């Protein structure tokens, strides 16, 4: 997943990589409430390259010019992509622009540090001055200094660039990135450095461990449920991103085969909650290898009770043991997009996965005797028990009540 520039710069700021004062603009009128002094630069926020040459970067000196430029940028497609956000940023006058990047080289199966003394939009100059340092074993700040020296940098710049590279590598490892890039990194007369543009590409397979990054998915692609790995065996239902992240991390640390997640909205009415749970479970049942659904909820008993009833109602509707099963049984239909995404003939898993409940509330107030009748479930209190149970019997399909 590729982040937009303004999202990448927010992450840069978290580790102390210097960025300019900036402000995302979602519509031209937002420039009337700009908190950055003019002159400024307006930059189209798209995930494709070439925006500068295409006219997606404009310098403006006042509000009137900025609004006119913003209208033009919002209506300018770059490689077929229209921006939904424009970044308004303070101007900066660099004396030198360099290129820095860290990427995962799949051929070498090693992270690689890259640097060029000529950064910016001139690709030929950038490639002609490109230097590379492969991280063969453990990362060391010495490797950053080695790259800086090979780029022809001297004096205090060696230390400044080394520190930027160390911070980039920290993000590269902690966020499970495929690429982190600063192009250009501006250097002014005083030798101060500034990230003038940024690119971050997150490994899709690792998004389950970074719900903060997953939340940056474009709004049109966001959903209360998400399929992470179609071959996975475990799905999680929760009612908060923080709680979901905790469960994912605990499972991932045990090398569990994670498949999908569903985040419930507590403010929904019962009928809407039923619809959300049913829609999510239908997506889960499209996964051919899914064996376990972990329901992890922190809530007041009434919400936990409603969630359990909704899940058990869905299960009883499809369970082979259900007396209500017959000609009126519901069917699951995959949308055209889902049929294109999922592997052929994997539209429906005929075996319902077992359920592991961990509802952190007053369990005495939650009546399980009726809600979970004829449903294949476990009821556990600690996350450690949940992790251990899914490891010991992820493929069983017999009632454990």
Protein backbone atom coordinates (compact mmCIF):
# COMPACT_ATOMS: atom_id res chain seq x y z
CA UNK A 1 0.00 0.00 0.00
CA UNK A 2 1.43 3.35 -1.07
CA UNK A 3 0.87 6.34 1.20
CA UNK A 4 0.30 9.86 -0.04
CA UNK A 5 3.02 12.45 0.53
CA UNK A 6 1.26 14.22 3.39
CA UNK A 7 0.65 10.88 5.13
CA UNK A 8 4.30 9.90 4.71
CA UNK A 9 5.41 13.24 6.16
CA UNK A 10 3.18 12.78 9.21
CA UNK A 11 5.03 9.53 9.84
CA UNK A 12 8.39 11.25 9.24
CA UNK A 13 7.53 13.74 11.95
CA UNK A 14 6.93 10.91 14.43
CA UNK A 15 10.62 9.99 14.37
CA UNK A 16 12.02 13.50 14.05
CA UNK A 17 12.70 13.73 10.32
CA UNK A 18 12.35 17.47 9.63
CA UNK A 19 9.39 18.55 7.49
CA UNK A 20 8.02 21.96 6.51
CA UNK A 21 4.83 23.49 7.94
CA UNK A 22 2.01 22.10 5.82
CA UNK A 23 -1.74 21.63 5.71
CA UNK A 24 -3.89 19.13 3.77
CA UNK A 25 -6.60 20.87 1.70
CA UNK A 26 -9.72 18.89 0.75
CA UNK A 27 -11.42 21.61 -1.28
CA UNK A 28 -10.27 25.01 -2.63
CA UNK A 29 -12.25 26.96 -0.02
CA UNK A 30 -10.08 25.43 2.67
CA UNK A 31 -7.27 27.78 1.59
CA UNK A 32 -9.21 30.64 3.19
CA UNK A 33 -8.39 29.02 6.53
CA UNK A 34 -4.73 28.41 5.77
CA UNK A 35 -2.39 28.56 8.77
CA UNK A 36 0.79 28.88 6.68
CA UNK A 37 2.18 32.25 5.56
CA UNK A 38 2.58 32.94 1.86
CA UNK A 39 4.30 32.20 -0.46
CA UNK A 40 3.41 28.52 -0.49
CA UNK A 41 3.50 25.54 -2.83
CA UNK A 42 0.42 23.46 -3.66
CA UNK A 43 1.04 19.79 -4.45
CA UNK A 44 -1.37 17.25 -5.88
CA UNK A 45 -1.64 14.21 -3.61
CA UNK A 46 -1.66 11.21 -5.93
CA UNK A 47 0.08 7.86 -5.76
CA UNK A 48 1.54 8.06 -9.24
CA UNK A 49 4.74 9.84 -10.27
CA UNK A 50 5.30 12.70 -12.67
CA UNK A 51 3.03 15.24 -11.02
CA UNK A 52 5.57 18.06 -11.28
CA UNK A 53 5.94 17.82 -15.05
CA UNK A 54 2.18 17.30 -15.41
CA UNK A 55 1.34 20.56 -13.63
CA UNK A 56 0.36 19.10 -10.27
CA UNK A 57 2.81 21.31 -8.33
CA UNK A 58 2.23 25.08 -8.30
CA UNK A 59 3.80 28.00 -6.43
CA UNK A 60 1.44 30.78 -5.32
CA UNK A 61 1.88 34.08 -3.52
CA UNK A 62 -1.63 34.87 -2.19
CA UNK A 63 -5.04 33.40 -1.43
CA UNK A 64 -6.68 34.36 -4.72
CA UNK A 65 -3.93 32.70 -6.76
CA UNK A 66 -3.96 29.70 -4.42
CA UNK A 67 -7.70 29.06 -4.83
CA UNK A 68 -7.42 29.33 -8.63
CA UNK A 69 -4.45 26.94 -8.64
CA UNK A 70 -6.26 24.52 -6.32
CA UNK A 71 -9.26 24.36 -8.68
CA UNK A 72 -6.91 23.52 -11.53
CA UNK A 73 -5.05 20.84 -9.55
CA UNK A 74 -8.23 19.15 -8.31
CA UNK A 75 -9.41 18.84 -11.92
CA UNK A 76 -6.05 17.62 -13.23
CA UNK A 77 -5.68 13.83 -13.60
CA UNK A 78 -2.15 12.49 -13.23
CA UNK A 79 -1.77 9.11 -14.92
CA UNK A 80 -5.56 8.85 -14.67
CA UNK A 81 -5.72 9.62 -10.94
CA UNK A 82 -7.54 12.72 -9.64
CA UNK A 83 -6.40 14.04 -6.25
CA UNK A 84 -8.83 14.11 -3.35
CA UNK A 85 -6.36 16.11 -1.25
CA UNK A 86 -3.88 18.88 -2.02
CA UNK A 87 -0.93 19.58 0.27
CA UNK A 88 -0.30 23.27 0.96
CA UNK A 89 3.28 23.68 2.17
CA UNK A 90 5.67 26.48 3.06
CA UNK A 91 8.29 27.44 0.48
CA UNK A 92 11.88 26.35 0.95
CA UNK A 93 14.99 27.46 -0.94
CA UNK A 94 17.47 24.58 -1.00
CA UNK A 95 21.03 25.04 -2.18
CA UNK A 96 21.31 21.34 -2.87
CA UNK A 97 18.84 18.49 -3.34
CA UNK A 98 19.74 14.86 -2.71
CA UNK A 99 17.94 11.52 -2.89
CA UNK A 100 17.70 9.02 -0.03
CA UNK A 101 15.87 5.71 0.09
CA UNK A 102 15.74 2.34 1.82
CA UNK A 103 14.10 -0.56 0.05
CA UNK A 104 13.79 -4.30 0.33
CA UNK A 105 15.74 -5.90 -2.50
CA UNK A 106 13.88 -9.14 -3.20
CA UNK A 107 16.69 -10.46 -5.39
CA UNK A 108 19.31 -9.99 -2.67
CA UNK A 109 16.76 -10.65 0.11
CA UNK A 110 18.32 -7.76 2.01
CA UNK A 111 17.44 -4.15 2.83
CA UNK A 112 19.44 -1.68 0.73
CA UNK A 113 20.41 1.93 1.48
CA UNK A 114 20.34 4.19 -1.59
CA UNK A 115 21.59 7.75 -1.99
CA UNK A 116 22.26 10.18 -4.84
CA UNK A 117 23.94 13.57 -4.64
CA UNK A 118 21.60 14.87 -7.37
CA UNK A 119 17.96 14.42 -6.29
CA UNK A 120 14.73 15.87 -7.63
CA UNK A 121 12.88 15.35 -10.91
CA UNK A 122 15.95 14.89 -13.16
CA UNK A 123 15.96 11.10 -13.27
CA UNK A 124 19.09 10.86 -15.44
CA UNK A 125 21.20 12.89 -13.00
CA UNK A 126 19.75 10.97 -10.07
CA UNK A 127 20.63 7.58 -11.54
CA UNK A 128 24.08 8.77 -12.66
CA UNK A 129 25.02 9.65 -9.07
CA UNK A 130 23.27 6.77 -7.30
CA UNK A 131 25.19 4.96 -4.56
CA UNK A 132 24.18 1.74 -2.78
CA UNK A 133 25.01 0.03 0.51
CA UNK A 134 23.59 -3.43 1.17
CA UNK A 135 22.77 -4.35 4.76
CA UNK A 136 24.35 -7.81 4.76
CA UNK A 137 23.76 -8.67 8.41
CA UNK A 138 22.92 -6.30 11.26
CA UNK A 139 22.14 -2.67 10.68
CA UNK A 140 24.76 -0.21 11.94
CA UNK A 141 24.96 3.61 11.83
CA UNK A 142 28.34 3.06 10.20
CA UNK A 143 26.53 1.93 7.05
CA UNK A 144 24.70 5.26 6.91
CA UNK A 145 27.97 7.17 7.16
CA UNK A 146 29.45 4.89 4.51
CA UNK A 147 26.64 5.82 2.12
CA UNK A 148 26.97 9.54 2.90
CA UNK A 149 30.70 9.48 2.16
CA UNK A 150 30.19 7.54 -1.08
CA UNK A 151 27.70 10.24 -2.15
CA UNK A 152 30.50 12.80 -1.90
CA UNK A 153 29.16 14.56 1.19
CA UNK A 154 31.64 16.20 3.53
CA UNK A 155 31.89 17.75 6.96
CA UNK A 156 28.78 18.06 9.13
CA UNK A 157 26.55 16.85 6.29
CA UNK A 158 27.85 13.31 6.81
CA UNK A 159 26.45 13.25 10.32
CA UNK A 160 23.18 15.00 9.35
CA UNK A 161 22.45 12.61 6.50
CA UNK A 162 23.46 9.61 8.61
CA UNK A 163 20.96 10.61 11.28
CA UNK A 164 18.18 10.94 8.69
CA UNK A 165 19.01 7.48 7.32
CA UNK A 166 18.96 5.98 10.81
CA UNK A 167 15.47 7.40 11.39
CA UNK A 168 14.34 6.14 8.01
CA UNK A 169 15.62 2.66 8.83
CA UNK A 170 13.81 2.74 12.17
CA UNK A 171 10.55 3.36 10.31
CA UNK A 172 11.45 0.80 7.66
CA UNK A 173 11.73 -1.95 10.28
CA UNK A 174 9.03 -0.91 12.76
CA UNK A 175 6.37 -0.30 10.08
CA UNK A 176 7.23 -3.29 7.86
CA UNK A 177 7.90 -1.12 4.81
CA UNK A 178 8.89 -2.14 1.31
CA UNK A 179 10.16 1.35 0.44
CA UNK A 180 10.84 4.57 2.28
CA UNK A 181 12.11 7.45 0.17
CA UNK A 182 12.90 11.14 0.50
CA UNK A 183 13.28 12.90 -2.84
CA UNK A 184 14.37 15.53 -2.60
CA UNK A 185 15.99 16.07 0.75
CA UNK A 186 16.78 19.78 0.63
CA UNK A 187 19.94 21.30 2.11
CA UNK A 188 20.03 25.06 2.70
CA UNK A 189 22.96 27.50 3.00
CA UNK A 190 23.35 26.75 6.71
CA UNK A 191 23.63 23.01 6.04
CA UNK A 192 20.20 22.27 7.51
CA UNK A 193 18.24 19.42 5.95
CA UNK A 194 14.53 19.23 5.13
CA UNK A 195 12.38 16.43 3.69
CA UNK A 196 10.70 18.19 0.76
CA UNK A 197 8.89 15.11 -0.52
CA UNK A 198 8.35 11.61 0.79
CA UNK A 199 7.22 8.20 -0.30
CA UNK A 200 6.30 5.22 1.85
CA UNK A 201 5.17 1.83 0.57
CA UNK A 202 3.88 -0.60 3.21
CA UNK A 203 4.11 -4.35 2.75
CA UNK A 204 0.49 -5.44 2.20
CA UNK A 205 1.03 -8.71 4.04
CA UNK A 206 2.02 -6.76 7.18
CA UNK A 207 -0.95 -4.37 7.30
CA UNK A 208 -2.68 -6.59 9.84
CA UNK A 209 0.02 -5.60 12.34
CA UNK A 210 -0.36 -1.87 11.62
CA UNK A 211 -3.97 -0.79 11.82
CA UNK A 212 -2.79 2.83 12.10
CA UNK A 213 -1.46 2.49 8.55
CA UNK A 214 -4.44 0.47 7.39
CA UNK A 215 -6.65 3.37 8.49
CA UNK A 216 -4.88 5.52 5.87
CA UNK A 217 -6.45 3.46 3.09
CA UNK A 218 -8.35 5.74 0.66
CA UNK A 219 -11.93 6.41 1.92
CA UNK A 220 -13.50 4.71 -1.09
CA UNK A 221 -11.56 1.54 -0.22
CA UNK A 222 -12.29 1.58 3.50
CA UNK A 223 -14.68 -0.96 4.98
CA UNK A 224 -15.58 -2.21 8.46
CA UNK A 225 -14.24 -5.56 7.28
CA UNK A 226 -11.09 -6.42 5.39
CA UNK A 227 -9.68 -9.59 3.87
CA UNK A 228 -5.92 -9.66 4.49
CA UNK A 229 -4.97 -13.15 3.30
CA UNK A 230 -7.38 -15.35 1.35
CA UNK A 231 -5.46 -18.46 2.42
CA UNK A 232 -5.56 -17.62 6.13
CA UNK A 233 -7.30 -19.73 8.78
CA UNK A 234 -8.15 -17.13 11.46
CA UNK A 235 -10.44 -14.07 11.41
CA UNK A 236 -11.05 -11.57 14.20
CA UNK A 237 -14.16 -9.58 15.14
CA UNK A 238 -13.70 -6.65 17.51
CA UNK A 239 -15.17 -3.24 18.34
CA UNK A 240 -12.11 -1.00 18.21
CA UNK A 241 -8.91 -0.60 16.19
CA UNK A 242 -6.72 -0.55 19.29
CA UNK A 243 -8.17 -3.81 20.59
CA UNK A 244 -8.02 -5.32 17.11
CA UNK A 245 -4.34 -4.37 16.83
CA UNK A 246 -3.57 -6.05 20.17
CA UNK A 247 -5.19 -9.31 19.07
CA UNK A 248 -3.49 -9.24 15.66
CA UNK A 249 -0.09 -8.64 17.26
CA UNK A 250 -0.57 -11.50 19.72
CA UNK A 251 -1.58 -13.88 16.94
CA UNK A 252 1.10 -12.69 14.52
CA UNK A 253 3.78 -13.20 17.18
CA UNK A 254 2.80 -16.89 17.22
CA UNK A 255 3.00 -17.04 13.41
CA UNK A 256 -0.75 -17.61 13.13
CA UNK A 257 -2.23 -17.71 9.63
CA UNK A 258 -4.35 -14.54 9.75
CA UNK A 259 -7.11 -14.05 7.20
CA UNK A 260 -9.50 -11.15 7.87
CA UNK A 261 -10.97 -8.75 10.39
CA UNK A 262 -14.28 -7.03 11.17
CA UNK A 263 -14.60 -3.94 13.38
CA UNK A 264 -18.07 -3.47 14.88
CA UNK A 265 -19.66 -0.07 15.45
CA UNK A 266 -21.11 0.23 18.95
CA UNK A 267 -23.52 3.06 18.10
CA UNK A 268 -25.55 0.96 15.65
CA UNK A 269 -29.08 -0.12 16.42
CA UNK A 270 -29.62 -3.86 16.83
CA UNK A 271 -30.93 -4.32 13.28
CA UNK A 272 -27.97 -2.41 11.81
CA UNK A 273 -25.55 -4.39 13.99
CA UNK A 274 -27.13 -7.61 12.72
CA UNK A 275 -26.62 -6.42 9.15
CA UNK A 276 -22.99 -5.47 9.76
CA UNK A 277 -22.17 -8.79 11.43
CA UNK A 278 -24.01 -10.78 8.76
CA UNK A 279 -22.21 -8.93 5.95
CA UNK A 280 -18.83 -9.47 7.62
CA UNK A 281 -19.43 -13.17 8.31
CA UNK A 282 -20.57 -13.67 4.74
CA UNK A 283 -17.25 -12.24 3.57
CA UNK A 284 -15.45 -14.55 6.01
CA UNK A 285 -17.33 -17.57 4.69
CA UNK A 286 -16.02 -16.78 1.20
CA UNK A 287 -12.55 -17.69 2.50
CA UNK A 288 -11.94 -21.36 1.68
CA UNK A 289 -9.45 -22.12 4.49
CA UNK A 290 -11.01 -20.18 7.39
CA UNK A 291 -11.27 -22.36 10.53
CA UNK A 292 -11.57 -19.99 13.50
CA UNK A 293 -13.30 -16.67 14.19
CA UNK A 294 -12.11 -14.88 17.34
CA UNK A 295 -14.66 -12.45 18.80
CA UNK A 296 -12.79 -10.01 21.06
CA UNK A 297 -14.98 -7.25 22.54
CA UNK A 298 -14.56 -4.68 25.28
CA UNK A 299 -17.98 -3.26 26.06
CA UNK A 300 -20.90 -2.88 28.36
CA UNK A 301 -22.88 -6.13 28.68
CA UNK A 302 -25.75 -4.94 26.46
CA UNK A 303 -23.49 -4.51 23.43
CA UNK A 304 -21.66 -7.76 24.09
CA UNK A 305 -25.00 -9.56 24.43
CA UNK A 306 -26.29 -8.05 21.17
CA UNK A 307 -23.11 -8.99 19.30
CA UNK A 308 -23.24 -12.57 20.59
CA UNK A 309 -26.91 -12.91 19.66
CA UNK A 310 -26.24 -11.59 16.15
CA UNK A 311 -23.36 -13.99 15.59
CA UNK A 312 -25.23 -16.99 17.02
CA UNK A 313 -28.30 -16.13 14.90
CA UNK A 314 -26.15 -16.19 11.78
CA UNK A 315 -24.60 -19.51 12.81
CA UNK A 316 -27.90 -21.17 13.62
CA UNK A 317 -29.22 -20.08 10.22
CA UNK A 318 -26.43 -21.99 8.48
CA UNK A 319 -25.66 -24.81 10.91
CA UNK A 320 -26.41 -28.33 9.64
CA UNK A 321 -27.82 -29.03 13.13
CA UNK A 322 -30.33 -26.20 12.90
CA UNK A 323 -33.98 -27.31 12.71
CA UNK A 324 -34.72 -24.16 10.69
CA UNK A 325 -32.42 -25.24 7.86
CA UNK A 326 -34.36 -26.07 4.72
CA UNK A 327 -35.65 -24.67 1.48
CA UNK A 328 -35.76 -21.19 2.93
CA UNK A 329 -32.02 -21.15 3.77
CA UNK A 330 -30.23 -17.97 2.74
CA UNK A 331 -27.53 -18.09 0.10
CA UNK A 332 -24.28 -16.17 -0.13
CA UNK A 333 -23.55 -14.32 -3.33
CA UNK A 334 -20.16 -12.88 -4.20
CA UNK A 335 -20.10 -9.54 -5.98
CA UNK A 336 -18.36 -9.27 -9.33
CA UNK A 337 -15.37 -7.59 -7.65
CA UNK A 338 -15.14 -10.34 -5.04
CA UNK A 339 -15.29 -13.02 -7.74
CA UNK A 340 -12.39 -11.34 -9.50
CA UNK A 341 -10.42 -11.05 -6.26
CA UNK A 342 -11.00 -14.53 -4.85
CA UNK A 343 -9.57 -17.66 -6.41
CA UNK A 344 -11.89 -19.64 -8.75
CA UNK A 345 -14.39 -21.96 -7.02
CA UNK A 346 -13.52 -20.53 -3.61
CA UNK A 347 -16.68 -18.47 -3.25
CA UNK A 348 -18.16 -20.44 -0.37
CA UNK A 349 -16.65 -22.36 2.50
CA UNK A 350 -19.31 -24.98 3.33
CA UNK A 351 -17.93 -25.53 6.83
CA UNK A 352 -18.58 -22.78 9.35
CA UNK A 353 -15.51 -21.91 11.45
CA UNK A 354 -15.59 -22.37 15.19
CA UNK A 355 -16.03 -19.27 17.36
CA UNK A 356 -13.81 -18.16 20.24
CA UNK A 357 -15.46 -15.50 22.41
CA UNK A 358 -13.57 -13.14 24.71
CA UNK A 359 -15.97 -10.42 25.87
CA UNK A 360 -14.40 -8.14 28.46
CA UNK A 361 -17.47 -7.16 30.42
CA UNK A 362 -19.51 -8.49 33.32
CA UNK A 363 -19.86 -12.05 32.02
CA UNK A 364 -22.58 -12.78 34.57
CA UNK A 365 -24.79 -10.25 32.80
CA UNK A 366 -24.42 -12.07 29.47
CA UNK A 367 -26.74 -15.05 29.04
CA UNK A 368 -25.05 -17.71 26.93
CA UNK A 369 -27.50 -20.54 27.48
CA UNK A 370 -29.83 -19.49 24.67
CA UNK A 371 -27.58 -17.27 22.57
CA UNK A 372 -25.03 -19.99 21.88
CA UNK A 373 -27.24 -23.02 21.67
CA UNK A 374 -26.16 -25.26 18.76
CA UNK A 375 -23.21 -22.97 18.00
CA UNK A 376 -19.65 -24.30 17.85
CA UNK A 377 -17.93 -21.99 20.35
CA UNK A 378 -15.40 -21.46 23.14
CA UNK A 379 -15.72 -18.87 25.90
CA UNK A 380 -12.37 -17.59 27.23
CA UNK A 381 -11.31 -14.66 29.40
CA UNK A 382 -7.61 -14.12 28.66
CA UNK A 383 -5.98 -13.29 25.35
CA UNK A 384 -3.25 -15.84 26.12
CA UNK A 385 -5.89 -18.59 26.31
CA UNK A 386 -7.33 -17.45 22.98
CA UNK A 387 -3.94 -17.63 21.28
CA UNK A 388 -3.15 -21.01 22.82
CA UNK A 389 -6.53 -22.49 21.88
CA UNK A 390 -6.42 -21.41 18.24
CA UNK A 391 -2.92 -22.91 18.02
CA UNK A 392 -3.91 -26.24 19.55
CA UNK A 393 -7.14 -26.85 17.60
CA UNK A 394 -7.57 -24.47 14.66
CA UNK A 395 -8.94 -27.13 12.37
CA UNK A 396 -11.40 -28.92 14.62
CA UNK A 397 -15.05 -28.52 13.74
CA UNK A 398 -16.89 -30.20 16.55
CA UNK A 399 -18.96 -28.49 19.20
CA UNK A 400 -16.91 -27.75 22.27
CA UNK A 401 -19.69 -26.34 24.42
